[in-house]
N, C-alpha and C. Protein backbone atom coordinates (compact mmCIF):
# COMPACT_ATOMS: atom_id res chain seq x y z
N MET A 1 25.41 1.43 -2.51
CA MET A 1 24.87 1.87 -1.13
C MET A 1 24.66 0.63 -0.35
N THR A 2 25.01 0.79 0.90
CA THR A 2 24.83 -0.28 1.81
C THR A 2 23.51 -0.30 2.57
N ALA A 3 23.15 -1.50 3.11
CA ALA A 3 21.89 -1.49 3.63
C ALA A 3 21.61 -0.50 4.83
N ASN A 4 20.50 -0.06 5.02
CA ASN A 4 20.10 0.93 6.10
C ASN A 4 20.28 0.15 7.52
N THR A 5 21.44 0.62 8.03
CA THR A 5 21.71 -0.04 9.48
C THR A 5 21.78 1.17 10.60
N SER A 6 21.17 2.31 10.22
CA SER A 6 21.18 3.31 11.20
C SER A 6 19.98 3.27 12.22
N VAL A 7 18.97 2.40 11.79
CA VAL A 7 17.96 2.15 12.64
C VAL A 7 17.82 0.70 13.15
N PRO A 8 17.13 0.58 14.22
CA PRO A 8 16.94 -0.87 14.76
C PRO A 8 16.11 -1.80 13.87
N PHE A 9 15.69 -1.39 12.83
CA PHE A 9 14.70 -2.15 11.85
C PHE A 9 15.02 -1.64 10.52
N VAL A 10 14.58 -2.47 9.51
CA VAL A 10 14.57 -2.15 8.13
C VAL A 10 13.27 -1.92 7.53
N PRO A 11 12.89 -0.79 7.33
CA PRO A 11 11.62 -0.68 6.63
C PRO A 11 11.39 -1.41 5.47
N CYS A 12 10.12 -1.85 5.27
CA CYS A 12 9.77 -2.66 4.08
C CYS A 12 8.61 -1.97 3.29
N ALA A 13 8.88 -1.90 1.93
CA ALA A 13 7.86 -1.36 1.07
C ALA A 13 7.04 -2.54 0.58
N GLU A 14 5.66 -2.16 0.71
CA GLU A 14 4.70 -2.98 0.06
C GLU A 14 4.18 -2.46 -1.08
N ILE A 15 4.35 -3.11 -2.33
CA ILE A 15 4.08 -2.37 -3.65
C ILE A 15 3.19 -3.30 -4.37
N VAL A 16 1.85 -2.68 -4.71
CA VAL A 16 0.74 -3.30 -5.11
C VAL A 16 0.33 -2.60 -6.45
N THR A 17 0.36 -3.27 -7.62
CA THR A 17 -0.19 -2.72 -8.79
C THR A 17 -1.43 -3.42 -9.20
N PHE A 18 -2.26 -2.71 -9.82
CA PHE A 18 -3.69 -3.27 -10.11
C PHE A 18 -4.54 -2.40 -11.04
N ARG A 19 -5.45 -2.91 -11.62
CA ARG A 19 -6.42 -2.07 -12.42
C ARG A 19 -7.84 -2.09 -11.76
N LEU A 20 -8.69 -1.18 -11.94
CA LEU A 20 -9.93 -1.12 -11.27
C LEU A 20 -10.81 -2.08 -12.08
N VAL A 21 -11.94 -2.58 -11.59
CA VAL A 21 -13.05 -3.34 -12.12
C VAL A 21 -13.75 -2.27 -13.17
N GLU A 22 -14.05 -2.71 -14.27
CA GLU A 22 -14.71 -1.98 -15.30
C GLU A 22 -15.95 -1.29 -14.74
N GLY A 23 -16.22 0.09 -14.93
CA GLY A 23 -17.25 0.66 -14.36
C GLY A 23 -16.95 1.50 -13.12
N ILE A 24 -15.88 1.20 -12.42
CA ILE A 24 -15.48 1.87 -11.32
C ILE A 24 -14.67 3.18 -11.69
N SER A 25 -15.33 4.34 -11.09
CA SER A 25 -14.52 5.56 -11.42
C SER A 25 -13.38 5.72 -10.54
N PRO A 26 -12.48 6.57 -11.02
CA PRO A 26 -11.41 6.88 -10.05
C PRO A 26 -11.82 7.65 -8.80
N SER A 27 -12.55 8.55 -9.03
CA SER A 27 -13.16 9.35 -7.89
C SER A 27 -13.76 8.41 -6.77
N ARG A 28 -14.59 7.50 -7.36
CA ARG A 28 -15.22 6.58 -6.47
C ARG A 28 -14.22 5.74 -5.71
N PHE A 29 -13.21 5.27 -6.37
CA PHE A 29 -12.21 4.49 -5.93
C PHE A 29 -11.46 5.20 -4.81
N LEU A 30 -11.07 6.41 -5.13
CA LEU A 30 -10.36 7.06 -4.06
C LEU A 30 -11.15 7.45 -2.84
N GLU A 31 -12.44 7.48 -2.96
CA GLU A 31 -13.37 7.68 -1.72
C GLU A 31 -13.27 6.33 -1.00
N ASP A 32 -13.36 5.20 -1.75
CA ASP A 32 -13.23 3.90 -1.07
C ASP A 32 -11.77 3.56 -0.43
N ALA A 33 -10.81 4.27 -1.06
CA ALA A 33 -9.45 4.12 -0.46
C ALA A 33 -9.31 4.90 0.95
N LYS A 34 -10.05 6.11 0.89
CA LYS A 34 -9.86 6.88 2.13
C LYS A 34 -10.46 6.08 3.27
N LYS A 35 -11.43 5.31 3.13
CA LYS A 35 -12.20 4.40 4.05
C LYS A 35 -11.13 3.44 4.80
N THR A 36 -10.01 3.11 4.02
CA THR A 36 -9.06 2.16 4.48
C THR A 36 -7.99 2.64 5.31
N LEU A 37 -7.92 4.06 5.26
CA LEU A 37 -6.79 4.76 6.02
C LEU A 37 -6.83 4.39 7.54
N PRO A 38 -7.93 4.58 8.29
CA PRO A 38 -8.13 4.15 9.62
C PRO A 38 -7.76 2.70 9.94
N VAL A 39 -7.93 1.87 9.04
CA VAL A 39 -7.58 0.33 9.32
C VAL A 39 -6.13 0.20 9.31
N VAL A 40 -5.42 0.89 8.32
CA VAL A 40 -3.98 0.88 8.18
C VAL A 40 -3.39 1.43 9.34
N GLN A 41 -3.89 2.53 9.72
CA GLN A 41 -3.34 3.28 10.97
C GLN A 41 -3.51 2.47 12.32
N GLU A 42 -4.63 1.84 12.45
CA GLU A 42 -5.10 1.12 13.58
C GLU A 42 -4.07 -0.30 13.73
N PHE A 43 -3.89 -0.76 12.56
CA PHE A 43 -3.00 -1.99 12.44
C PHE A 43 -1.63 -1.83 13.19
N GLY A 44 -1.11 -0.60 12.96
CA GLY A 44 0.27 -0.19 13.41
C GLY A 44 1.39 -0.59 12.58
N GLY A 45 2.40 0.26 12.55
CA GLY A 45 3.68 -0.02 11.89
C GLY A 45 3.70 0.52 10.51
N CYS A 46 2.56 1.26 9.93
CA CYS A 46 2.55 2.01 8.76
C CYS A 46 3.37 3.21 8.85
N LEU A 47 4.47 3.35 8.04
CA LEU A 47 5.08 4.65 8.08
C LEU A 47 4.62 5.74 7.15
N GLU A 48 4.22 5.30 6.04
CA GLU A 48 3.56 6.08 4.96
C GLU A 48 2.91 5.25 3.87
N ARG A 49 2.12 5.94 3.07
CA ARG A 49 1.18 5.20 2.09
C ARG A 49 1.05 6.34 1.02
N SER A 50 1.02 5.78 -0.27
CA SER A 50 0.67 6.68 -1.35
C SER A 50 -0.06 5.77 -2.40
N LEU A 51 -0.92 6.40 -3.21
CA LEU A 51 -1.75 5.68 -4.13
C LEU A 51 -1.62 6.59 -5.36
N SER A 52 -1.15 6.04 -6.43
CA SER A 52 -1.06 6.67 -7.73
C SER A 52 -1.47 5.85 -8.93
N VAL A 53 -1.84 6.54 -9.98
CA VAL A 53 -2.36 5.84 -11.25
C VAL A 53 -1.71 6.60 -12.39
N ASP A 54 -1.29 5.62 -13.41
CA ASP A 54 -0.65 6.00 -14.61
C ASP A 54 -1.68 6.34 -15.65
N GLU A 55 -1.36 6.91 -16.83
CA GLU A 55 -2.14 7.33 -17.82
C GLU A 55 -2.93 6.12 -18.43
N GLY A 56 -2.45 4.95 -18.27
CA GLY A 56 -3.12 3.71 -18.73
C GLY A 56 -3.98 3.06 -17.86
N GLY A 57 -4.16 3.69 -16.59
CA GLY A 57 -5.07 3.09 -15.71
C GLY A 57 -4.47 2.10 -14.72
N LEU A 58 -3.12 2.04 -14.66
CA LEU A 58 -2.48 1.05 -13.77
C LEU A 58 -2.42 1.67 -12.47
N TRP A 59 -2.77 1.32 -11.31
CA TRP A 59 -2.70 1.94 -10.08
C TRP A 59 -1.54 1.28 -9.21
N THR A 60 -0.88 2.07 -8.47
CA THR A 60 0.05 1.54 -7.43
C THR A 60 -0.24 1.97 -6.12
N ASP A 61 -0.46 1.05 -5.21
CA ASP A 61 -0.48 1.38 -3.74
C ASP A 61 0.76 1.00 -3.11
N TYR A 62 1.41 2.11 -2.54
CA TYR A 62 2.91 1.99 -2.05
C TYR A 62 2.82 2.32 -0.58
N ILE A 63 3.13 1.28 0.21
CA ILE A 63 3.08 1.48 1.67
C ILE A 63 4.47 1.03 2.19
N ILE A 64 4.96 1.99 2.97
CA ILE A 64 6.17 1.68 3.72
C ILE A 64 5.82 1.23 5.17
N TRP A 65 6.19 0.06 5.58
CA TRP A 65 5.90 -0.52 7.04
C TRP A 65 7.30 -0.51 7.73
N LYS A 66 7.06 -0.67 8.97
CA LYS A 66 8.32 -0.42 9.79
C LYS A 66 9.33 -1.65 9.47
N ASP A 67 8.82 -2.93 9.12
CA ASP A 67 9.76 -3.93 8.88
C ASP A 67 8.94 -4.99 8.11
N ARG A 68 9.79 -6.01 7.54
CA ARG A 68 9.04 -6.93 6.62
C ARG A 68 7.84 -7.82 7.45
N GLU A 69 8.28 -8.26 8.67
CA GLU A 69 7.37 -9.04 9.51
C GLU A 69 5.91 -8.21 9.53
N THR A 70 5.97 -6.94 9.91
CA THR A 70 4.80 -6.24 9.90
C THR A 70 4.06 -6.01 8.55
N ALA A 71 4.88 -5.99 7.64
CA ALA A 71 4.33 -5.80 6.15
C ALA A 71 3.59 -6.99 5.72
N LEU A 72 4.17 -8.19 6.11
CA LEU A 72 3.55 -9.44 5.67
C LEU A 72 2.30 -9.83 6.50
N LYS A 73 2.47 -9.40 7.88
CA LYS A 73 1.21 -9.66 8.61
C LYS A 73 0.05 -8.73 8.26
N ALA A 74 0.36 -7.45 7.84
CA ALA A 74 -0.62 -6.52 7.35
C ALA A 74 -1.19 -7.01 6.10
N ALA A 75 -0.48 -7.52 5.11
CA ALA A 75 -0.97 -7.94 3.80
C ALA A 75 -2.01 -9.10 4.08
N ALA A 76 -1.74 -9.90 4.98
CA ALA A 76 -2.68 -11.00 5.26
C ALA A 76 -3.85 -10.59 6.15
N GLU A 77 -3.86 -9.68 7.11
CA GLU A 77 -4.88 -9.33 7.98
C GLU A 77 -5.74 -8.07 7.64
N VAL A 78 -4.96 -7.02 7.08
CA VAL A 78 -5.82 -5.72 6.98
C VAL A 78 -6.93 -5.86 5.93
N PRO A 79 -6.78 -6.61 4.81
CA PRO A 79 -7.83 -6.62 3.89
C PRO A 79 -9.12 -7.32 4.43
N LYS A 80 -8.90 -8.11 5.46
CA LYS A 80 -10.09 -8.86 6.05
C LYS A 80 -11.13 -7.79 6.79
N ASP A 81 -10.62 -6.64 7.07
CA ASP A 81 -11.50 -5.74 7.86
C ASP A 81 -12.58 -5.23 6.87
N PRO A 82 -13.75 -5.06 7.44
CA PRO A 82 -14.93 -4.87 6.62
C PRO A 82 -14.83 -3.39 6.02
N ARG A 83 -14.03 -2.63 6.53
CA ARG A 83 -13.75 -1.14 6.12
C ARG A 83 -12.96 -1.35 4.63
N PHE A 84 -12.41 -2.55 4.55
CA PHE A 84 -11.73 -2.60 3.18
C PHE A 84 -12.49 -3.27 2.03
N ALA A 85 -13.86 -3.60 2.25
CA ALA A 85 -14.70 -4.35 1.33
C ALA A 85 -14.82 -3.48 0.14
N ASP A 86 -15.30 -2.19 0.07
CA ASP A 86 -15.48 -1.34 -1.03
C ASP A 86 -14.23 -1.29 -1.82
N PHE A 87 -13.11 -0.96 -1.10
CA PHE A 87 -11.68 -0.77 -1.90
C PHE A 87 -11.34 -2.17 -2.63
N GLY A 88 -11.51 -3.25 -1.84
CA GLY A 88 -11.29 -4.53 -2.58
C GLY A 88 -12.11 -4.91 -3.78
N MET A 89 -13.42 -4.65 -3.57
CA MET A 89 -14.28 -4.97 -4.63
C MET A 89 -14.21 -4.24 -5.92
N ALA A 90 -13.54 -3.10 -5.69
CA ALA A 90 -13.10 -2.21 -6.85
C ALA A 90 -11.95 -2.53 -7.79
N ILE A 91 -11.20 -3.50 -7.13
CA ILE A 91 -10.07 -3.89 -7.81
C ILE A 91 -10.19 -5.17 -8.55
N ASP A 92 -9.64 -5.25 -9.78
CA ASP A 92 -9.74 -6.45 -10.77
C ASP A 92 -8.77 -7.51 -10.03
N PRO A 93 -9.23 -8.54 -9.33
CA PRO A 93 -8.32 -9.56 -8.86
C PRO A 93 -7.17 -10.07 -9.75
N ALA A 94 -7.63 -10.27 -11.00
CA ALA A 94 -6.67 -10.82 -11.92
C ALA A 94 -5.51 -9.80 -12.28
N SER A 95 -5.69 -8.59 -11.95
CA SER A 95 -4.66 -7.53 -12.31
C SER A 95 -3.60 -7.34 -11.13
N VAL A 96 -3.89 -8.05 -9.85
CA VAL A 96 -3.22 -7.67 -8.89
C VAL A 96 -1.76 -8.33 -8.94
N ASP A 97 -0.66 -7.55 -8.55
CA ASP A 97 0.57 -7.75 -8.42
C ASP A 97 1.22 -7.21 -7.17
N MET A 98 1.52 -8.07 -6.17
CA MET A 98 1.92 -7.61 -4.85
C MET A 98 3.45 -8.12 -4.55
N HIS A 99 4.28 -7.18 -4.10
CA HIS A 99 5.54 -7.81 -3.69
C HIS A 99 5.97 -6.79 -2.68
N HIS A 100 6.94 -7.46 -1.89
CA HIS A 100 7.61 -6.70 -0.67
C HIS A 100 9.10 -6.57 -0.94
N ALA A 101 9.58 -5.36 -0.54
CA ALA A 101 11.01 -5.03 -0.60
C ALA A 101 11.59 -4.27 0.41
N ASP A 102 12.77 -4.55 0.88
CA ASP A 102 13.46 -3.91 1.97
C ASP A 102 13.87 -2.45 1.35
N VAL A 103 13.62 -1.51 2.35
CA VAL A 103 14.02 -0.06 1.85
C VAL A 103 15.39 0.15 2.20
N GLU A 104 16.28 0.17 1.19
CA GLU A 104 17.66 0.45 1.42
C GLU A 104 18.10 1.91 1.47
N MET A 105 17.31 2.82 0.81
CA MET A 105 17.62 4.15 0.76
C MET A 105 16.47 4.92 0.65
N LYS A 106 16.37 6.11 1.45
CA LYS A 106 15.18 6.90 1.29
C LYS A 106 15.69 8.44 1.31
N TRP A 107 15.10 9.22 0.50
CA TRP A 107 15.45 10.53 0.39
C TRP A 107 14.27 11.44 0.23
N ALA A 108 14.25 12.61 0.97
CA ALA A 108 13.14 13.41 0.84
C ALA A 108 13.51 14.90 0.70
N ALA A 109 13.08 15.67 -0.15
CA ALA A 109 13.51 17.06 -0.38
C ALA A 109 13.25 17.71 0.99
N SER A 110 14.10 18.78 1.21
CA SER A 110 13.88 19.59 2.34
C SER A 110 12.73 20.57 2.04
N PRO A 111 12.14 21.00 3.04
CA PRO A 111 10.98 21.83 2.92
C PRO A 111 11.36 23.36 2.54
């Protein structure tokens, strides 16, 4: 498959995997995560976001930004917002792995 050239920009996925600090419940963490949604929306350029966890407790925050430049700026700026504090403190910093990748293909099921 070739690169996505049908739009004037190439969306960029920000993929962050991590584990929670011991003692943080998934339900509390999800409440903390909800507080970050306005921050991401206000920053601009976020096309979608999902948060998942596997059976071993590894979380994935998957955000699609309008382009790589926006993704990198957001990664540097968004976590500084005070509304991100509880979310950030719930994450074990030693477990964090973040990377960015251009979205080359996207598919969604028809409703």
